[in-house]
Amino acid sequence: MSMLSLSKFTSAINFCAKRSFSSGVSSYASTKDPLGGIRVVDLTRIVSGPYCTMILGDLGAEVLKIERPGTGDEARNWGPPFVEGTNESCYFLAINRNKKSVCVDLKTREGRNIIYELVKKSDILVENYVPGKLDNLGLGYEDLKVIAPHLIYCSMTGYGSKGPYAKRPGYDVIASSVGGLLHITGPFEGEPCKVGVAMTDIATGLYAHGAILAALLQRTKTNLGQKIDCDLMSTVISCLINVGSNYLNAGKEAKRLGTQHGSIVPYQAFETSDHCYITVGGGSDQQFKALCEKLHLPDLPLDPLFATNKMRVLNRNILIEKLGKRFKEQTLSEWLRTLEGSTFPYGPVNSMEQVFNDPHVKEIQLVKEVTISGGKTVKVVGPPVEYSEAENCVRLPPPALGEHTDDVLKNILDYSEEKIKELKQKNVVQ
């Protein structure tokens, strides 16, 4: 290592050593936690932001979920269904594990002071307010970087911080509409449909978490934090991939195709004789040939109309009619037995019951059980990524509203019992 590189490395280590962390971080982390020792001030709610911070929590970061006293994250009330015997929505449980709930009224001076003190002892702040809202409260990036220059400040909005839509509130389905996703989703010649879950929110959360990790890495080189902007509309447009490229480079307008693919045939769901559905994908000529062999339709790949993917796309209606007729001759279970061991991808269209009772899903133990406040055991879908030398896991259950307020004020900010009591009497914290 050169003297210059050694100097930069030493400077980064010294910077981290100078920061004041509570015992809560060190006790919460282990050497196998990729983000052990990293603290996040989480000012997000609903889906995109909480999904991002949940991933950071899965990786070992200490996530302080700042919520409004009395009501908290709106998603807590997004039901039914609610967990039996509680007021917690199943929706909230899905995206808020590995977090500590701290109730603070940001509209009060004392509440904002709590945030100021927390960011000095934290690495990351994530927020998803309408642009300008936190600036008006004195909690914008320009305000906080003065007192915490090391802070990585990630803003997640509907449309970004600039442009004519910047001040608009943004929800998943609205951004998905404006960004073209609804236009290409739904049955052929039918109405536009939203995806079954909030994919634009989820994708934005994924983008944001990756951006935060990159900023953490850059900070080891610069000793400085920075502002990150992520927004729903930019994310959904970036997810258009081939459909967007088809328009930009070939002038081809997209249309709804149901489960079909615009550039690959066959690649869709087919109905079976028992009114279930099976999906198959013939992404290459070899896979199409293998599919036809399994279907006992060996002449199809020899037909010039279907010999190449280009020809299959041009003649999709003729081919899909033939394949659809064949799939309706057997039940789903019969087809699954017939296709077992195939060199092309296939699978049933499963219900939620079938998904979570699938032997593969059970074998990989993706579903975890945790005990929430009050002693109720609930199930959550755990992290889908595994590391050979690190832990990516469910450490804490989704928190009750304000469950960790006292702990955080006491152990991170060194507040006395008397001060905490006074703040509660003023409804600053809960």
Protein backbone atom coordinates (compact mmCIF):
# COMPACT_ATOMS: atom_id res chain seq x y z
CA MET A 1 0.00 0.00 0.00
CA SER A 2 1.37 3.43 -0.95
CA MET A 3 1.85 6.11 1.70
CA LEU A 4 -1.00 8.13 0.14
CA SER A 5 -3.38 5.15 0.21
CA LEU A 6 -2.32 4.34 3.76
CA SER A 7 -3.02 7.94 4.78
CA LYS A 8 -6.53 7.84 3.27
CA PHE A 9 -7.27 4.50 4.89
CA THR A 10 -6.06 5.69 8.28
CA SER A 11 -8.11 8.88 7.92
CA ALA A 12 -11.27 6.85 7.25
CA ILE A 13 -10.63 4.63 10.25
CA ASN A 14 -9.99 7.64 12.47
CA PHE A 15 -13.20 9.27 11.26
CA CYS A 16 -15.24 6.22 12.23
CA ALA A 17 -13.45 5.97 15.56
CA LYS A 18 -14.26 9.60 16.43
CA ARG A 19 -17.99 9.18 16.03
CA SER A 20 -19.99 8.61 19.18
CA PHE A 21 -22.03 5.40 19.17
CA SER A 22 -24.13 3.98 21.97
CA SER A 23 -23.69 0.53 23.39
CA GLY A 24 -26.92 -0.29 21.61
CA VAL A 25 -25.15 -0.51 18.26
CA SER A 26 -22.27 -2.69 19.37
CA SER A 27 -24.54 -5.06 21.27
CA TYR A 28 -26.90 -5.26 18.30
CA ALA A 29 -24.15 -6.07 15.81
CA SER A 30 -21.86 -9.03 15.29
CA THR A 31 -18.78 -9.55 13.16
CA LYS A 32 -20.97 -11.34 10.61
CA ASP A 33 -23.35 -8.40 10.15
CA PRO A 34 -22.34 -6.60 6.91
CA LEU A 35 -23.78 -3.34 8.29
CA GLY A 36 -23.04 -3.98 11.95
CA GLY A 37 -22.25 -0.69 13.71
CA ILE A 38 -24.21 1.35 11.14
CA ARG A 39 -27.15 3.36 12.46
CA VAL A 40 -30.10 4.55 10.33
CA VAL A 41 -32.57 7.31 11.20
CA ASP A 42 -35.65 6.16 9.33
CA LEU A 43 -38.18 8.92 8.58
CA THR A 44 -40.09 6.82 6.05
CA ARG A 45 -43.51 5.25 6.01
CA ILE A 46 -45.88 3.32 3.73
CA VAL A 47 -43.83 0.99 1.42
CA SER A 48 -40.84 2.21 -0.60
CA GLY A 49 -38.88 3.72 2.29
CA PRO A 50 -39.70 1.01 4.85
CA TYR A 51 -38.74 -1.66 2.30
CA CYS A 52 -35.36 0.02 1.83
CA THR A 53 -34.67 0.37 5.54
CA MET A 54 -35.84 -3.18 6.21
CA ILE A 55 -33.12 -4.45 3.87
CA LEU A 56 -30.55 -2.34 5.71
CA GLY A 57 -31.83 -3.83 8.97
CA ASP A 58 -31.60 -7.35 7.55
CA LEU A 59 -27.92 -6.66 6.87
CA GLY A 60 -27.32 -5.68 10.48
CA ALA A 61 -27.86 -1.91 10.59
CA GLU A 62 -29.62 -0.47 13.64
CA VAL A 63 -32.74 1.13 12.18
CA LEU A 64 -34.54 3.76 14.27
CA LYS A 65 -38.03 4.06 12.81
CA ILE A 66 -39.22 7.56 13.70
CA GLU A 67 -43.03 7.63 13.86
CA ARG A 68 -45.72 10.16 14.61
CA PRO A 69 -47.03 9.89 18.18
CA GLY A 70 -50.51 8.45 18.38
CA THR A 71 -50.85 7.14 14.83
CA GLY A 72 -47.43 6.11 13.57
CA ASP A 73 -46.80 4.77 10.08
CA GLU A 74 -50.04 4.86 8.06
CA ALA A 75 -49.42 1.25 7.00
CA ARG A 76 -50.14 0.12 10.56
CA ASN A 77 -53.80 0.81 9.79
CA TRP A 78 -53.87 -0.68 6.29
CA GLY A 79 -56.26 -3.53 6.94
CA PRO A 80 -58.04 -5.78 7.33
CA PRO A 81 -56.53 -8.23 7.67
CA PHE A 82 -54.97 -7.50 11.06
CA VAL A 83 -53.00 -9.90 13.21
CA GLU A 84 -55.54 -11.71 15.37
CA GLY A 85 -55.95 -10.09 18.77
CA THR A 86 -53.95 -6.98 17.82
CA ASN A 87 -54.33 -3.68 15.98
CA GLU A 88 -51.31 -4.42 13.76
CA SER A 89 -52.00 -4.81 10.05
CA CYS A 90 -50.45 -7.73 8.22
CA TYR A 91 -49.30 -5.13 5.68
CA PHE A 92 -47.13 -3.34 8.26
CA LEU A 93 -45.57 -6.59 9.46
CA ALA A 94 -44.37 -7.41 5.94
CA ILE A 95 -41.91 -4.51 5.64
CA ASN A 96 -40.92 -3.40 9.13
CA ARG A 97 -38.87 -6.13 10.78
CA ASN A 98 -35.42 -5.36 12.21
CA LYS A 99 -36.43 -1.85 13.30
CA LYS A 100 -36.90 0.04 16.55
CA SER A 101 -39.97 2.27 16.79
CA VAL A 102 -39.36 5.73 18.26
CA CYS A 103 -42.29 8.15 18.45
CA VAL A 104 -41.26 11.79 17.97
CA ASP A 105 -43.35 14.82 16.99
CA LEU A 106 -41.23 16.54 14.34
CA LYS A 107 -43.43 19.63 14.43
CA THR A 108 -42.11 20.55 17.88
CA ARG A 109 -38.76 22.17 18.59
CA GLU A 110 -37.92 19.48 21.14
CA GLY A 111 -38.80 16.78 18.62
CA ARG A 112 -36.52 18.26 15.98
CA ASN A 113 -33.74 18.53 18.55
CA ILE A 114 -34.01 14.79 19.09
CA ILE A 115 -33.45 14.24 15.36
CA TYR A 116 -30.50 16.65 15.38
CA GLU A 117 -28.91 14.70 18.21
CA LEU A 118 -29.61 11.34 16.58
CA VAL A 119 -28.10 12.21 13.20
CA LYS A 120 -24.87 13.25 14.89
CA LYS A 121 -24.62 9.67 16.14
CA SER A 122 -25.94 8.00 12.99
CA ASP A 123 -24.67 7.17 9.51
CA ILE A 124 -27.77 7.32 7.35
CA LEU A 125 -31.08 9.18 7.21
CA VAL A 126 -33.81 7.96 4.88
CA GLU A 127 -37.00 9.96 4.26
CA ASN A 128 -39.92 9.89 1.85
CA TYR A 129 -41.70 13.18 2.47
CA VAL A 130 -42.92 15.44 -0.34
CA PRO A 131 -39.92 17.56 -1.47
CA GLY A 132 -39.53 20.67 0.68
CA LYS A 133 -41.51 19.39 3.67
CA LEU A 134 -38.48 18.52 5.80
CA ASP A 135 -36.64 21.63 4.61
CA ASN A 136 -39.48 23.69 6.06
CA LEU A 137 -38.99 21.90 9.38
CA GLY A 138 -35.24 22.48 9.38
CA LEU A 139 -34.58 18.79 8.73
CA GLY A 140 -33.49 18.99 5.10
CA TYR A 141 -30.11 17.82 3.83
CA GLU A 142 -28.61 21.32 3.80
CA ASP A 143 -29.59 21.74 7.46
CA LEU A 144 -28.31 18.39 8.66
CA LYS A 145 -25.03 18.25 6.77
CA VAL A 146 -23.86 21.27 8.77
CA ILE A 147 -24.11 19.37 12.05
CA ALA A 148 -23.42 15.90 10.59
CA PRO A 149 -21.16 16.14 7.52
CA HIS A 150 -20.70 12.37 7.56
CA LEU A 151 -24.46 11.77 7.11
CA ILE A 152 -25.77 9.94 4.05
CA TYR A 153 -29.19 11.49 3.42
CA CYS A 154 -31.47 9.52 1.09
CA SER A 155 -34.68 11.13 -0.16
CA MET A 156 -37.35 8.93 -1.73
CA THR A 157 -40.12 10.80 -3.52
CA GLY A 158 -42.77 10.32 -6.17
CA TYR A 159 -41.13 12.36 -8.93
CA GLY A 160 -37.77 13.62 -7.68
CA SER A 161 -36.63 17.00 -6.40
CA LYS A 162 -36.87 18.85 -9.73
CA GLY A 163 -39.20 19.02 -12.70
CA PRO A 164 -42.86 20.08 -12.99
CA TYR A 165 -44.13 17.12 -10.94
CA ALA A 166 -41.66 17.50 -8.06
CA LYS A 167 -44.18 18.76 -5.53
CA ARG A 168 -46.77 16.11 -6.27
CA PRO A 169 -47.40 13.35 -3.73
CA GLY A 170 -46.55 9.98 -5.19
CA TYR A 171 -48.07 6.55 -4.62
CA ASP A 172 -47.01 3.35 -6.35
CA VAL A 173 -49.98 2.93 -8.67
CA ILE A 174 -49.94 6.61 -9.71
CA ALA A 175 -46.24 6.63 -10.54
CA SER A 176 -46.72 3.29 -12.32
CA SER A 177 -49.46 4.92 -14.40
CA VAL A 178 -47.42 7.98 -15.33
CA GLY A 179 -44.32 5.86 -15.94
CA GLY A 180 -46.02 3.49 -18.40
CA LEU A 181 -46.16 0.27 -16.37
CA LEU A 182 -49.96 0.14 -16.23
CA HIS A 183 -50.15 0.75 -19.97
CA ILE A 184 -48.27 -2.48 -20.66
CA THR A 185 -49.89 -4.58 -17.92
CA GLY A 186 -53.20 -6.36 -18.39
CA PRO A 187 -55.07 -8.64 -20.81
CA PHE A 188 -54.75 -8.21 -24.57
CA GLU A 189 -57.14 -5.45 -25.68
CA GLY A 190 -58.37 -5.20 -22.08
CA GLU A 191 -58.15 -2.52 -19.42
CA PRO A 192 -54.82 -1.52 -17.87
CA CYS A 193 -54.03 -3.37 -14.65
CA LYS A 194 -51.73 -2.73 -11.77
CA VAL A 195 -49.25 -5.42 -10.75
CA GLY A 196 -50.52 -7.49 -7.81
CA VAL A 197 -48.06 -5.92 -5.35
CA ALA A 198 -46.47 -2.46 -5.17
CA MET A 199 -43.60 -3.29 -7.52
CA THR A 200 -42.67 0.35 -8.18
CA ASP A 201 -42.39 1.00 -4.45
CA ILE A 202 -40.38 -2.17 -3.97
CA ALA A 203 -38.04 -1.46 -6.89
CA THR A 204 -37.45 2.08 -5.59
CA GLY A 205 -36.61 0.65 -2.18
CA LEU A 206 -34.14 -1.74 -3.78
CA TYR A 207 -32.51 1.06 -5.81
CA ALA A 208 -32.28 3.24 -2.70
CA HIS A 209 -30.69 0.55 -0.55
CA GLY A 210 -28.06 -0.09 -3.23
CA ALA A 211 -27.37 3.63 -3.56
CA ILE A 212 -26.93 3.93 0.20
CA LEU A 213 -24.43 1.07 0.27
CA ALA A 214 -22.45 2.74 -2.53
CA ALA A 215 -22.45 6.03 -0.60
CA LEU A 216 -21.21 4.23 2.52
CA LEU A 217 -18.34 2.80 0.50
CA GLN A 218 -17.52 6.19 -1.01
CA ARG A 219 -17.50 7.71 2.46
CA THR A 220 -14.56 5.51 3.40
CA LYS A 221 -12.63 7.38 0.70
CA THR A 222 -13.88 10.93 1.32
CA ASN A 223 -14.93 10.98 5.00
CA LEU A 224 -18.06 12.81 3.80
CA GLY A 225 -21.71 11.95 3.46
CA GLN A 226 -23.91 13.05 0.58
CA LYS A 227 -27.48 13.48 -0.66
CA ILE A 228 -29.16 10.68 -2.61
CA ASP A 229 -32.36 11.23 -4.59
CA CYS A 230 -34.54 8.27 -5.58
CA ASP A 231 -38.03 8.56 -7.01
CA LEU A 232 -40.83 6.27 -8.05
CA MET A 233 -41.31 7.56 -11.59
CA SER A 234 -37.63 7.39 -12.59
CA THR A 235 -37.46 3.90 -11.11
CA VAL A 236 -40.47 2.55 -12.97
CA ILE A 237 -39.27 4.04 -16.26
CA SER A 238 -35.85 2.45 -15.73
CA CYS A 239 -37.66 -0.86 -15.19
CA LEU A 240 -39.30 -0.68 -18.63
CA ILE A 241 -36.00 -2.08 -20.04
CA ASN A 242 -36.73 -3.77 -23.40
CA VAL A 243 -40.21 -2.22 -23.74
CA GLY A 244 -38.78 1.27 -23.34
CA SER A 245 -35.88 0.46 -25.64
CA ASN A 246 -38.27 -0.84 -28.30
CA TYR A 247 -39.96 2.57 -28.41
CA LEU A 248 -36.80 4.67 -28.13
CA ASN A 249 -34.86 2.81 -30.80
CA ALA A 250 -37.48 1.26 -33.07
CA GLY A 251 -40.48 3.54 -32.57
CA LYS A 252 -42.58 0.56 -31.46
CA GLU A 253 -45.44 1.49 -29.15
CA ALA A 254 -46.14 -1.08 -26.45
CA LYS A 255 -49.44 -2.85 -25.93
CA ARG A 256 -50.89 -5.12 -23.30
CA LEU A 257 -50.25 -8.80 -23.91
CA GLY A 258 -51.53 -10.53 -20.78
CA THR A 259 -48.89 -13.07 -19.75
CA GLN A 260 -47.30 -13.10 -23.21
CA HIS A 261 -43.91 -11.58 -24.02
CA GLY A 262 -43.50 -8.99 -26.73
CA SER A 263 -40.22 -10.40 -28.06
CA ILE A 264 -40.24 -14.10 -27.12
CA VAL A 265 -42.76 -16.77 -28.17
CA PRO A 266 -43.82 -18.96 -26.44
CA TYR A 267 -43.41 -17.28 -23.06
CA GLN A 268 -46.71 -17.20 -21.21
CA ALA A 269 -49.35 -19.00 -19.15
CA PHE A 270 -51.61 -21.64 -20.70
CA GLU A 271 -54.90 -22.94 -19.32
CA THR A 272 -55.10 -26.66 -18.53
CA SER A 273 -58.08 -29.02 -18.70
CA ASP A 274 -58.91 -28.47 -15.02
CA HIS A 275 -58.98 -24.67 -15.46
CA CYS A 276 -55.60 -24.13 -13.80
CA TYR A 277 -52.65 -22.43 -15.47
CA ILE A 278 -49.09 -23.39 -16.27
CA THR A 279 -46.36 -21.04 -17.51
CA VAL A 280 -43.70 -22.11 -19.99
CA GLY A 281 -40.82 -20.26 -21.58
CA GLY A 282 -39.14 -21.03 -24.88
CA GLY A 283 -36.33 -18.51 -24.84
CA SER A 284 -34.29 -20.26 -27.53
CA ASP A 285 -34.91 -22.46 -30.56
CA GLN A 286 -33.51 -25.42 -28.62
CA GLN A 287 -35.93 -24.84 -25.75
CA PHE A 288 -38.85 -24.52 -28.16
CA LYS A 289 -37.90 -27.82 -29.77
CA ALA A 290 -37.66 -29.48 -26.34
CA LEU A 291 -41.09 -28.10 -25.41
CA CYS A 292 -42.65 -29.45 -28.58
CA GLU A 293 -41.14 -32.88 -27.91
CA LYS A 294 -42.71 -32.92 -24.44
CA LEU A 295 -46.05 -31.87 -25.93
CA HIS A 296 -45.79 -34.57 -28.62
CA LEU A 297 -45.87 -31.89 -31.32
CA PRO A 298 -42.55 -32.71 -33.07
CA ASP A 299 -43.55 -31.16 -36.39
CA LEU A 300 -43.95 -27.60 -35.07
CA PRO A 301 -40.21 -26.71 -34.95
CA LEU A 302 -39.88 -27.97 -38.54
CA ASP A 303 -42.56 -25.61 -39.81
CA PRO A 304 -40.96 -22.47 -41.37
CA LEU A 305 -43.59 -20.37 -39.58
CA PHE A 306 -42.12 -21.40 -36.21
CA ALA A 307 -38.51 -22.39 -36.93
CA THR A 308 -36.97 -19.28 -35.33
CA ASN A 309 -38.02 -16.94 -32.56
CA LYS A 310 -38.43 -14.12 -35.09
CA MET A 311 -40.90 -16.22 -37.06
CA ARG A 312 -42.68 -17.36 -33.92
CA VAL A 313 -43.18 -13.74 -32.85
CA LEU A 314 -44.54 -12.83 -36.29
CA ASN A 315 -46.89 -15.82 -36.22
CA ARG A 316 -47.65 -15.85 -32.51
CA ASN A 317 -51.43 -16.13 -32.82
CA ILE A 318 -51.25 -19.27 -34.95
CA LEU A 319 -48.68 -20.90 -32.68
CA ILE A 320 -50.37 -19.95 -29.40
CA GLU A 321 -53.65 -21.39 -30.65
CA LYS A 322 -51.96 -24.74 -31.34
CA LEU A 323 -50.13 -24.81 -28.01
CA GLY A 324 -53.18 -23.65 -26.09
CA LYS A 325 -55.29 -26.43 -27.57
CA ARG A 326 -52.69 -29.02 -26.55
CA PHE A 327 -52.35 -27.77 -22.97
CA LYS A 328 -56.13 -28.02 -22.50
CA GLU A 329 -55.94 -31.77 -23.10
CA GLN A 330 -54.43 -32.56 -19.67
CA THR A 331 -54.70 -31.38 -16.08
CA LEU A 332 -52.11 -29.20 -14.39
CA SER A 333 -50.77 -32.07 -12.27
CA GLU A 334 -50.47 -34.26 -15.37
CA TRP A 335 -48.50 -31.58 -17.19
CA LEU A 336 -46.20 -31.05 -14.22
CA ARG A 337 -45.39 -34.76 -14.24
CA THR A 338 -44.90 -34.72 -18.01
CA LEU A 339 -42.57 -31.72 -17.93
CA GLU A 340 -40.49 -32.86 -14.94
CA GLY A 341 -36.78 -32.68 -15.83
CA SER A 342 -37.29 -30.47 -18.90
CA THR A 343 -34.50 -28.25 -20.19
CA PHE A 344 -36.87 -25.29 -20.54
CA PRO A 345 -38.45 -23.34 -17.64
CA TYR A 346 -42.01 -24.11 -16.57
CA GLY A 347 -44.15 -23.85 -13.47
CA PRO A 348 -47.70 -23.68 -12.13
CA VAL A 349 -49.53 -20.43 -11.44
CA ASN A 350 -49.77 -20.84 -7.67
CA SER A 351 -52.16 -19.31 -5.15
CA MET A 352 -50.78 -17.97 -1.86
CA GLU A 353 -51.73 -21.24 -0.18
CA GLN A 354 -49.84 -23.20 -2.82
CA VAL A 355 -46.82 -20.89 -2.64
CA PHE A 356 -46.30 -21.26 1.09
CA ASN A 357 -47.00 -25.00 1.06
CA ASP A 358 -44.66 -25.61 -1.86
CA PRO A 359 -42.02 -28.19 -0.82
CA HIS A 360 -39.21 -26.06 -2.24
CA VAL A 361 -40.31 -22.96 -0.33
CA LYS A 362 -40.49 -25.02 2.86
CA GLU A 363 -37.10 -26.60 2.26
CA ILE A 364 -35.28 -23.27 1.91
CA GLN A 365 -37.01 -21.98 5.08
CA LEU A 366 -37.80 -18.57 3.62
CA VAL A 367 -40.67 -18.01 6.06
CA LYS A 368 -39.59 -17.05 9.59
CA GLU A 369 -41.53 -16.87 12.86
CA VAL A 370 -41.05 -13.96 15.26
CA THR A 371 -42.78 -12.89 18.46
CA ILE A 372 -44.14 -9.36 18.47
CA SER A 373 -44.90 -7.17 21.48
CA GLY A 374 -47.66 -8.80 23.50
CA GLY A 375 -46.38 -12.31 22.89
CA LYS A 376 -48.13 -13.03 19.60
CA THR A 377 -46.17 -15.18 17.12
CA VAL A 378 -46.33 -13.98 13.52
CA LYS A 379 -44.76 -15.11 10.26
CA VAL A 380 -42.69 -12.98 7.89
CA VAL A 381 -40.98 -13.71 4.60
CA GLY A 382 -37.28 -13.44 5.38
CA PRO A 383 -34.45 -12.06 3.22
CA PRO A 384 -34.11 -13.82 -0.16
CA VAL A 385 -30.31 -13.41 -0.31
CA GLU A 386 -27.79 -15.67 1.42
CA TYR A 387 -24.11 -14.95 2.09
CA SER A 388 -21.36 -17.51 2.68
CA GLU A 389 -19.56 -15.35 5.25
CA ALA A 390 -22.25 -12.99 6.53
CA GLU A 391 -25.67 -12.94 8.13
CA ASN A 392 -28.73 -11.53 6.40
CA CYS A 393 -31.57 -12.43 8.70
CA VAL A 394 -34.57 -11.53 10.84
CA ARG A 395 -33.13 -10.20 14.12
CA LEU A 396 -36.01 -8.16 15.50
CA PRO A 397 -39.79 -8.49 15.03
CA PRO A 398 -41.81 -5.60 13.59
CA PRO A 399 -42.09 -3.15 16.51
CA ALA A 400 -45.12 -1.92 18.37
CA LEU A 401 -45.71 1.83 18.09
CA GLY A 402 -43.17 3.61 20.30
CA GLU A 403 -41.83 0.32 21.65
CA HIS A 404 -38.23 1.57 21.75
CA THR A 405 -38.67 5.30 22.45
CA ASP A 406 -37.42 5.16 26.03
CA ASP A 407 -34.55 2.82 25.18
CA VAL A 408 -33.26 5.04 22.36
CA LEU A 409 -33.57 8.30 24.29
CA LYS A 410 -31.91 6.75 27.32
CA ASN A 411 -29.15 4.66 25.78
CA ILE A 412 -28.27 6.63 22.65
CA LEU A 413 -28.96 10.22 23.70
CA ASP A 414 -28.33 9.79 27.45
CA TYR A 415 -31.63 11.41 28.39
CA SER A 416 -32.63 11.14 32.05
CA GLU A 417 -35.88 9.55 33.21
CA GLU A 418 -37.07 13.00 34.24
CA LYS A 419 -36.41 14.49 30.81
CA ILE A 420 -38.17 11.64 29.04
CA LYS A 421 -41.16 12.00 31.37
CA GLU A 422 -41.31 15.72 30.65
CA LEU A 423 -41.21 15.13 26.88
CA LYS A 424 -44.03 12.62 27.17
CA GLN A 425 -46.14 15.06 29.16
CA LYS A 426 -45.69 17.58 26.34
CA ASN A 427 -46.62 14.88 23.77
CA VAL A 428 -43.25 15.36 22.08
CA VAL A 429 -42.52 11.64 22.35
CA GLN A 430 -44.53 8.52 23.06
